[in-house]
Protein backbone atom coordinates (compact mmCIF):
# COMPACT_ATOMS: atom_id res chain seq x y z
CA MET A 1 0.00 0.00 0.00
CA LEU A 2 1.35 3.40 -0.96
CA LEU A 3 0.68 6.19 1.56
CA LEU A 4 1.17 9.62 0.06
CA CYS A 5 2.00 12.24 2.65
CA ALA A 6 0.20 14.98 0.76
CA ARG A 7 -3.00 12.93 1.05
CA LEU A 8 -2.26 12.06 4.65
CA CYS A 9 -1.77 15.70 5.63
CA ALA A 10 -4.85 16.82 3.75
CA ALA A 11 -6.84 14.14 5.51
CA ALA A 12 -5.53 15.09 8.94
CA SER A 13 -8.10 17.86 9.21
CA LEU A 14 -10.84 15.23 9.03
CA SER A 15 -9.71 13.69 12.29
CA ALA A 16 -10.20 16.66 14.59
CA GLY A 17 -12.67 14.72 16.71
CA GLU A 18 -10.37 11.78 17.31
CA PRO A 19 -8.79 11.93 20.79
CA PRO A 20 -5.00 11.89 21.16
CA GLN A 21 -3.45 8.61 22.28
CA SER A 22 -0.75 8.36 24.92
CA VAL A 23 1.74 5.54 24.35
CA LEU A 24 4.62 4.07 26.31
CA ALA A 25 7.95 5.27 24.94
CA PRO A 26 11.18 3.22 25.18
CA SER A 27 12.55 5.66 27.75
CA GLY A 28 9.74 4.72 30.12
CA GLY A 29 7.91 8.01 29.75
CA ARG A 30 4.63 8.63 27.96
CA ARG A 31 4.00 10.93 25.04
CA GLU A 32 1.04 11.90 22.92
CA ARG A 33 0.32 10.81 19.36
CA GLU A 34 -2.19 12.69 17.24
CA ALA A 35 -4.83 10.80 15.33
CA VAL A 36 -4.98 11.40 11.57
CA VAL A 37 -7.00 9.86 8.78
CA VAL A 38 -5.11 7.88 6.14
CA LEU A 39 -6.60 7.45 2.68
CA ASP A 40 -5.72 4.09 1.16
CA ASP A 41 -5.30 3.51 -2.55
CA ASP A 42 -8.80 2.05 -2.74
CA ALA A 43 -10.21 5.35 -1.36
CA SER A 44 -11.07 3.79 2.00
CA SER A 45 -9.94 5.57 5.13
CA ARG A 46 -8.74 4.60 8.57
CA VAL A 47 -7.27 6.28 11.64
CA VAL A 48 -3.59 5.94 12.55
CA TYR A 49 -1.62 7.68 15.27
CA VAL A 50 1.32 9.75 14.02
CA ASP A 51 4.42 10.36 16.11
CA ALA A 52 7.44 12.18 14.71
CA PHE A 53 9.81 10.29 16.98
CA ASP A 54 10.11 6.64 15.98
CA ASP A 55 11.77 4.17 18.32
CA ARG A 56 15.08 2.88 16.95
CA THR A 57 16.60 1.49 20.13
CA GLY A 58 15.44 -2.08 19.60
CA ARG A 59 13.36 -2.12 22.80
CA SER A 60 9.80 -3.40 22.44
CA PHE A 61 6.56 -1.48 22.89
CA GLY A 62 3.48 -3.13 24.29
CA GLU A 63 1.21 -4.90 21.84
CA ASP A 64 -1.47 -2.21 22.17
CA ASP A 65 0.86 0.68 21.33
CA ALA A 66 0.50 2.53 18.03
CA PHE A 67 3.38 3.24 15.67
CA ALA A 68 3.88 6.06 13.17
CA GLU A 69 3.44 4.95 9.57
CA SER A 70 5.88 6.18 6.94
CA PRO A 71 4.33 8.43 4.31
CA TYR A 72 6.74 7.01 1.73
CA PRO A 73 6.94 3.59 0.07
CA ASP A 74 9.09 0.96 1.70
CA PRO A 75 12.23 0.86 -0.51
CA ALA A 76 12.77 -2.82 0.25
CA GLY A 77 9.38 -3.69 -1.23
CA GLU A 78 9.44 -1.47 -4.30
CA PRO A 79 10.90 -2.70 -7.61
CA TYR A 80 13.52 -0.58 -9.36
CA SER A 81 12.44 1.44 -12.39
CA PHE A 82 14.00 3.94 -14.80
CA GLN A 83 13.02 7.55 -14.05
CA LEU A 84 13.92 10.71 -15.94
CA LEU A 85 14.38 13.88 -13.84
CA PRO A 86 13.39 12.16 -10.57
CA ASN A 87 12.53 13.88 -7.31
CA GLY A 88 15.11 13.51 -4.56
CA LEU A 89 18.78 12.57 -4.35
CA MET A 90 20.53 9.33 -3.42
CA TYR A 91 23.44 11.30 -1.94
CA ARG A 92 22.39 14.67 -0.58
CA SER A 93 24.61 17.72 -0.24
CA TYR A 94 26.27 18.10 3.15
CA LEU A 95 24.13 20.44 5.26
CA ALA A 96 27.07 22.30 6.79
CA GLY A 97 29.28 22.11 3.70
CA PRO A 98 30.04 25.77 2.87
CA ARG A 99 30.84 25.01 -0.78
CA GLU A 100 27.97 22.64 -1.61
CA PRO A 101 25.68 23.56 -4.56
CA ARG A 102 22.34 24.91 -3.26
CA PHE A 103 20.42 28.16 -2.84
CA ALA A 104 21.66 29.89 0.30
CA GLY A 105 22.47 33.18 1.94
CA VAL A 106 24.47 33.58 5.16
CA TRP A 107 24.94 36.95 6.85
CA ASN A 108 28.21 36.57 8.74
CA HIS A 109 30.23 38.80 11.01
CA GLU A 110 33.93 38.19 10.40
CA ARG A 111 36.10 39.24 13.32
CA ASP A 112 38.62 41.24 11.21
CA VAL A 113 36.49 42.44 8.26
CA GLY A 114 33.04 43.00 9.71
CA TRP A 115 29.77 41.99 8.06
CA VAL A 116 29.88 39.94 4.85
CA TRP A 117 27.15 38.19 2.89
CA ASP A 118 28.11 34.74 1.61
CA ILE A 119 25.69 33.63 -1.10
CA THR A 120 25.22 30.35 -2.97
CA LEU A 121 23.20 30.41 -6.19
CA GLY A 122 22.72 26.93 -7.59
CA GLY A 123 21.70 23.42 -6.71
CA ARG A 124 21.96 19.73 -7.47
CA VAL A 125 19.23 17.70 -9.17
CA GLY A 126 18.79 14.20 -10.50
CA ILE A 127 18.97 13.60 -14.25
CA MET A 128 18.30 9.85 -14.46
CA ARG A 129 17.57 7.16 -11.90
CA TYR A 130 17.31 3.41 -11.85
CA GLY A 131 15.77 2.76 -8.45
CA THR A 132 12.81 3.43 -6.19
CA THR A 133 10.50 6.46 -6.35
CA ASP A 134 10.86 7.70 -2.76
CA PRO A 135 11.75 11.43 -2.91
CA VAL A 136 13.37 11.53 0.55
CA ARG A 137 15.37 8.28 0.81
CA PRO A 138 15.40 6.64 -2.62
CA GLU A 139 17.49 3.56 -3.33
CA GLY A 140 19.28 2.53 -6.50
CA TRP A 141 21.53 4.38 -8.96
CA GLN A 142 21.30 8.00 -10.04
CA ILE A 143 23.20 10.51 -12.19
CA ASP A 144 23.05 14.09 -10.91
CA ILE A 145 24.14 17.45 -12.22
CA GLU A 146 25.26 20.28 -9.96
CA GLY A 147 26.36 23.86 -10.30
CA ALA A 148 26.63 27.03 -8.26
CA ALA A 149 28.06 30.52 -8.09
CA LEU A 150 29.35 31.40 -4.62
CA PRO A 151 29.81 35.19 -4.38
CA ARG A 152 30.76 37.20 -1.31
CA LEU A 153 29.47 40.75 -0.79
CA ASP A 154 31.09 43.20 1.62
CA LEU A 155 28.25 44.71 3.64
CA GLU A 156 30.64 47.24 5.17
CA GLU A 157 31.48 48.64 1.69
CA ASN A 158 28.15 49.17 -0.10
CA ARG A 159 27.77 45.46 -0.89
CA ASP A 160 30.89 45.42 -3.07
CA MET A 161 31.60 42.11 -4.78
CA VAL A 162 34.69 40.73 -3.07
CA SER A 163 35.08 37.51 -5.06
CA THR A 164 33.08 34.67 -6.60
CA ASP A 165 33.79 30.96 -6.82
CA PHE A 166 32.10 28.85 -9.50
CA ARG A 167 31.43 25.13 -9.27
CA PHE A 168 30.08 22.58 -11.74
CA GLY A 169 29.96 18.80 -11.38
CA VAL A 170 28.44 15.47 -12.40
CA PRO A 171 28.23 12.83 -9.63
CA LEU A 172 27.12 9.20 -10.00
CA THR A 173 25.38 8.13 -6.79
CA PHE A 174 24.12 4.90 -5.24
CA ARG A 175 22.13 4.04 -2.12
CA ASP A 176 21.15 0.75 -0.52
CA GLY A 177 19.57 0.91 2.93
CA PRO A 178 21.71 2.97 5.33
CA ILE A 179 24.69 3.21 2.94
CA ALA A 180 25.03 5.86 0.22
CA THR A 181 28.03 6.50 -2.02
CA LYS A 182 29.01 8.89 -4.76
CA PHE A 183 31.76 9.07 -7.36
CA GLY A 184 32.03 12.04 -9.62
CA TYR A 185 33.81 15.00 -11.10
CA TYR A 186 33.64 18.69 -10.32
CA HIS A 187 35.36 21.83 -11.55
CA LEU A 188 35.93 24.84 -9.31
CA SER A 189 37.45 28.21 -10.17
CA SER A 190 37.78 31.45 -8.20
CA HIS A 191 37.60 35.05 -9.42
CA LEU A 192 38.38 38.31 -7.63
CA GLY A 193 35.73 41.03 -7.84
CA ASP A 194 36.37 44.18 -9.91
CA GLU A 195 34.98 46.43 -7.18
CA TYR A 196 37.34 44.88 -4.65
CA LEU A 197 40.31 45.44 -6.99
CA GLU A 198 39.39 49.09 -7.50
CA LYS A 199 39.47 49.72 -3.75
CA HIS A 200 42.44 47.41 -3.10
CA PRO A 201 44.87 47.89 -6.04
CA GLU A 202 47.58 46.11 -4.07
CA ALA A 203 45.53 42.88 -4.07
CA GLU A 204 46.94 40.03 -6.15
CA ARG A 205 44.47 38.20 -8.37
CA ILE A 206 45.16 34.45 -8.50
CA ASN A 207 43.87 31.95 -11.03
CA TYR A 208 42.78 29.36 -8.47
CA SER A 209 41.25 26.38 -10.27
CA ARG A 210 40.88 22.64 -9.78
CA ASP A 211 39.34 19.70 -11.64
CA VAL A 212 38.57 17.00 -9.11
CA LEU A 213 37.56 13.35 -8.90
CA ILE A 214 35.62 12.71 -5.69
CA LEU A 215 34.58 9.63 -3.74
CA GLY A 216 32.10 9.99 -0.88
CA LEU A 217 30.49 7.61 1.60
CA SER A 218 27.49 8.27 3.87
CA TYR A 219 26.13 6.05 6.62
CA PHE A 220 22.76 6.48 8.35
CA PRO A 221 22.85 4.72 11.76
CA TRP A 222 19.30 6.06 12.15
CA ASP A 223 17.04 7.56 9.51
CA ASP A 224 17.55 11.08 10.84
CA VAL A 225 21.31 10.86 11.53
CA ARG A 226 24.03 10.87 8.88
CA LEU A 227 27.79 10.33 9.14
CA TYR A 228 29.91 10.93 6.07
CA GLY A 229 33.40 11.24 4.64
CA GLU A 230 34.74 12.30 1.27
CA VAL A 231 38.09 12.37 -0.48
CA GLY A 232 38.92 14.43 -3.56
CA TRP A 233 41.92 14.29 -5.89
CA ALA A 234 42.49 17.03 -8.45
CA PHE A 235 44.07 15.93 -11.73
CA TYR A 236 44.47 19.59 -12.74
CA THR A 237 45.31 22.52 -10.46
CA SER A 238 46.44 26.13 -10.79
CA GLY A 239 46.73 29.28 -8.70
CA GLY A 240 48.17 27.58 -5.64
CA ALA A 241 45.72 24.68 -5.48
CA GLU A 242 47.07 21.23 -4.57
CA PRO A 243 45.52 17.85 -5.46
CA TRP A 244 44.20 16.39 -2.20
CA GLU A 245 41.20 17.40 -0.09
CA PHE A 246 39.22 15.61 2.62
CA GLN A 247 35.77 16.34 4.00
CA PHE A 248 33.81 14.69 6.81
CA GLY A 249 31.00 15.45 9.22
CA ALA A 250 27.75 14.52 10.92
CA GLU A 251 24.13 15.70 10.62
CA TYR A 252 20.82 15.42 12.40
CA SER A 253 17.97 16.19 9.98
CA PRO A 254 14.55 14.57 10.48
CA MET A 255 13.20 12.78 7.41
CA LEU A 256 9.62 13.45 8.53
CA PRO A 257 7.76 15.84 6.20
CA SER A 258 6.85 19.17 7.73
CA CYS A 259 3.15 18.46 7.32
CA MET A 260 3.51 15.75 9.99
CA SER A 261 5.60 17.81 12.42
CA PRO A 262 4.19 18.05 15.96
CA TYR A 263 5.99 21.36 16.55
CA PRO A 264 4.72 24.93 16.02
CA LEU A 265 4.90 26.24 12.44
CA HIS A 266 5.44 22.62 11.30
CA ALA A 267 9.18 23.14 11.86
CA MET A 268 11.68 20.47 12.88
CA PRO A 269 15.13 21.02 14.48
CA PHE A 270 18.37 20.25 12.66
CA ALA A 271 22.08 20.34 13.52
CA ALA A 272 25.18 19.74 11.40
CA ILE A 273 28.97 19.89 11.60
CA ASN A 274 31.43 19.74 8.69
CA ALA A 275 35.23 19.76 8.42
CA HIS A 276 37.09 20.35 5.14
CA LEU A 277 40.88 19.84 4.88
CA HIS A 278 43.11 21.01 1.99
CA GLU A 279 46.61 19.99 0.96
CA GLU A 280 47.56 23.54 -0.11
CA VAL A 281 47.33 24.77 3.50
CA ASN A 282 49.22 21.79 4.96
CA TYR A 283 45.99 19.88 5.55
CA SER A 284 44.51 22.62 7.65
CA GLY A 285 41.09 23.76 6.55
CA ASP A 286 37.80 24.90 8.01
CA LEU A 287 35.10 23.85 10.47
CA THR A 288 31.43 24.78 10.04
CA VAL A 289 28.69 24.24 12.64
CA GLN A 290 24.99 24.91 12.00
CA ALA A 291 21.78 24.56 14.01
CA GLY A 292 18.23 25.74 13.47
CA LEU A 293 14.84 24.80 12.06
CA GLN A 294 13.91 22.97 8.87
CA TRP A 295 10.91 22.27 6.67
CA ARG A 296 10.81 19.25 4.31
CA GLY A 297 8.42 18.93 1.38
CA ALA A 298 6.15 15.89 1.38
CA ALA A 299 5.95 15.19 -2.34
CA SER A 300 9.34 16.58 -3.41
CA GLY A 301 11.62 15.98 -0.44
CA HIS A 302 13.02 19.51 -0.86
CA LEU A 303 14.52 20.98 2.29
CA TYR A 304 14.40 24.59 3.55
CA ARG A 305 16.36 25.62 6.64
CA ILE A 306 17.00 28.71 8.73
CA GLY A 307 19.49 28.88 11.56
CA LEU A 308 22.79 29.97 13.05
CA GLU A 309 26.21 29.22 11.58
CA TYR A 310 29.73 29.30 13.02
CA PHE A 311 32.74 29.12 10.68
CA ASN A 312 36.38 28.82 11.74
CA GLY A 313 39.36 28.21 9.46
CA MET A 314 40.82 29.13 6.10
CA SER A 315 38.58 31.34 3.98
CA ARG A 316 35.68 29.71 2.12
CA GLN A 317 36.54 32.06 -0.78
CA TYR A 318 39.46 30.46 -2.64
CA GLN A 319 40.91 33.83 -3.71
CA PHE A 320 41.84 34.11 -0.02
CA HIS A 321 42.45 30.43 0.72
CA GLU A 322 45.54 31.21 2.83
CA ASP A 323 43.70 33.72 5.06
CA PHE A 324 42.21 32.69 8.40
CA GLU A 325 38.61 33.68 9.14
CA GLU A 326 36.29 33.32 12.12
CA GLN A 327 32.62 34.06 11.46
CA ILE A 328 29.28 33.77 13.17
CA GLY A 329 25.99 34.60 11.54
CA ILE A 330 22.48 33.67 10.50
CA GLY A 331 21.51 31.96 7.27
CA MET A 332 18.91 30.28 5.14
CA TRP A 333 19.47 27.27 2.90
CA TYR A 334 17.35 25.50 0.26
CA ASP A 335 18.18 22.05 -1.12
CA TYR A 336 16.41 20.23 -3.93
C-alpha cells in the first residue's frame, strides 16, 4: 500500500474529533500521538496515530501501542524502475558544507572584516535514476548534475563584490539501505571582484582552479542521523591549489515531512557539523557548525532551513584560501 503524505496531511483535518493517544515510549515516559486519517489507494480511510519520533533502540513497545506509519513507500518492497528527472537525491549535499551547490544566503560577522554576505546560487538535481520512487530516501543508482556561483558581498562597503567561486559537477550516486556512495567530477574556479580590486589595487588576483575526482560515503545509523566522509583528488590545479582534499562530518535532519511535524509552524530542528581539509594549506582547513529549524516537502523531499552558523578556518573564498577567518551569523538554505 502506498501512503502519500500529501493525502495524509490533507486528511488530517478530518480527524479533529479523534482523541490523542498516549503511548509508552522506550525511555519509560509517555507521550502523545495525534490521530490522523489515512486514505488508502482504494479510497477507504482509517485512523492511525502519528508520532514524529520513531523508536530505533530495539526495545519493544506493548502490543497495544501505536506506531507512526511512513508516508513514503518501503524501498525494500518497491521494484527498481528507470526515471527521468526524478525527485530527490541518493546522496544529498552536506548540510554544513560551505561550498555545496544549493540556494543559500548567510549573513556573517567576520572578526577582522566586519559583516559579509556569503551567497550560494545553484543546486543539485537528478537527471536519471534506476531505483525506487521515494523522494526523501530513494534507493538505487542515479546521475546528478550540480552547479553554483558562490559570491561574497562586503556589507561594510556598499555590498561590493569581493570575489566569486564557480562550481560545476556530475556525480554518479548509489544508495542501498543505510549506505550511500558517490563518485564524480567537479570543476571549481575562483575570481576576484572588480569592485574589490578598485578599492584594493595592491591585491593580487590568483587563477585558483581545480578539476577533481571525488569519492564519498554516507552512513545512516538512524534515519535522521548521517555520518559521512569524502576524499577528492584534483588531476588539474592552478593558482596555488594542490591535489588532495578531505571532507567529513555529521548531521541530524529529520526525514519526517513538515506536514507531519508536531511542533509549532510545522518546523523540525536540525544540527550539522562539517570539516574540510586542503593539501595547499598543509591539511589545515575549516570547520562549520549549523543549528536551526527545517521544513521538508512531502511530495518533493526539498529541504528549507534557517538557523545559526559558526565558521572557523581558512577562507571559504578560494581567492583568499591562505587567510584565516572566524565568522558567526544567520543563514537560510534551500536544497532540492
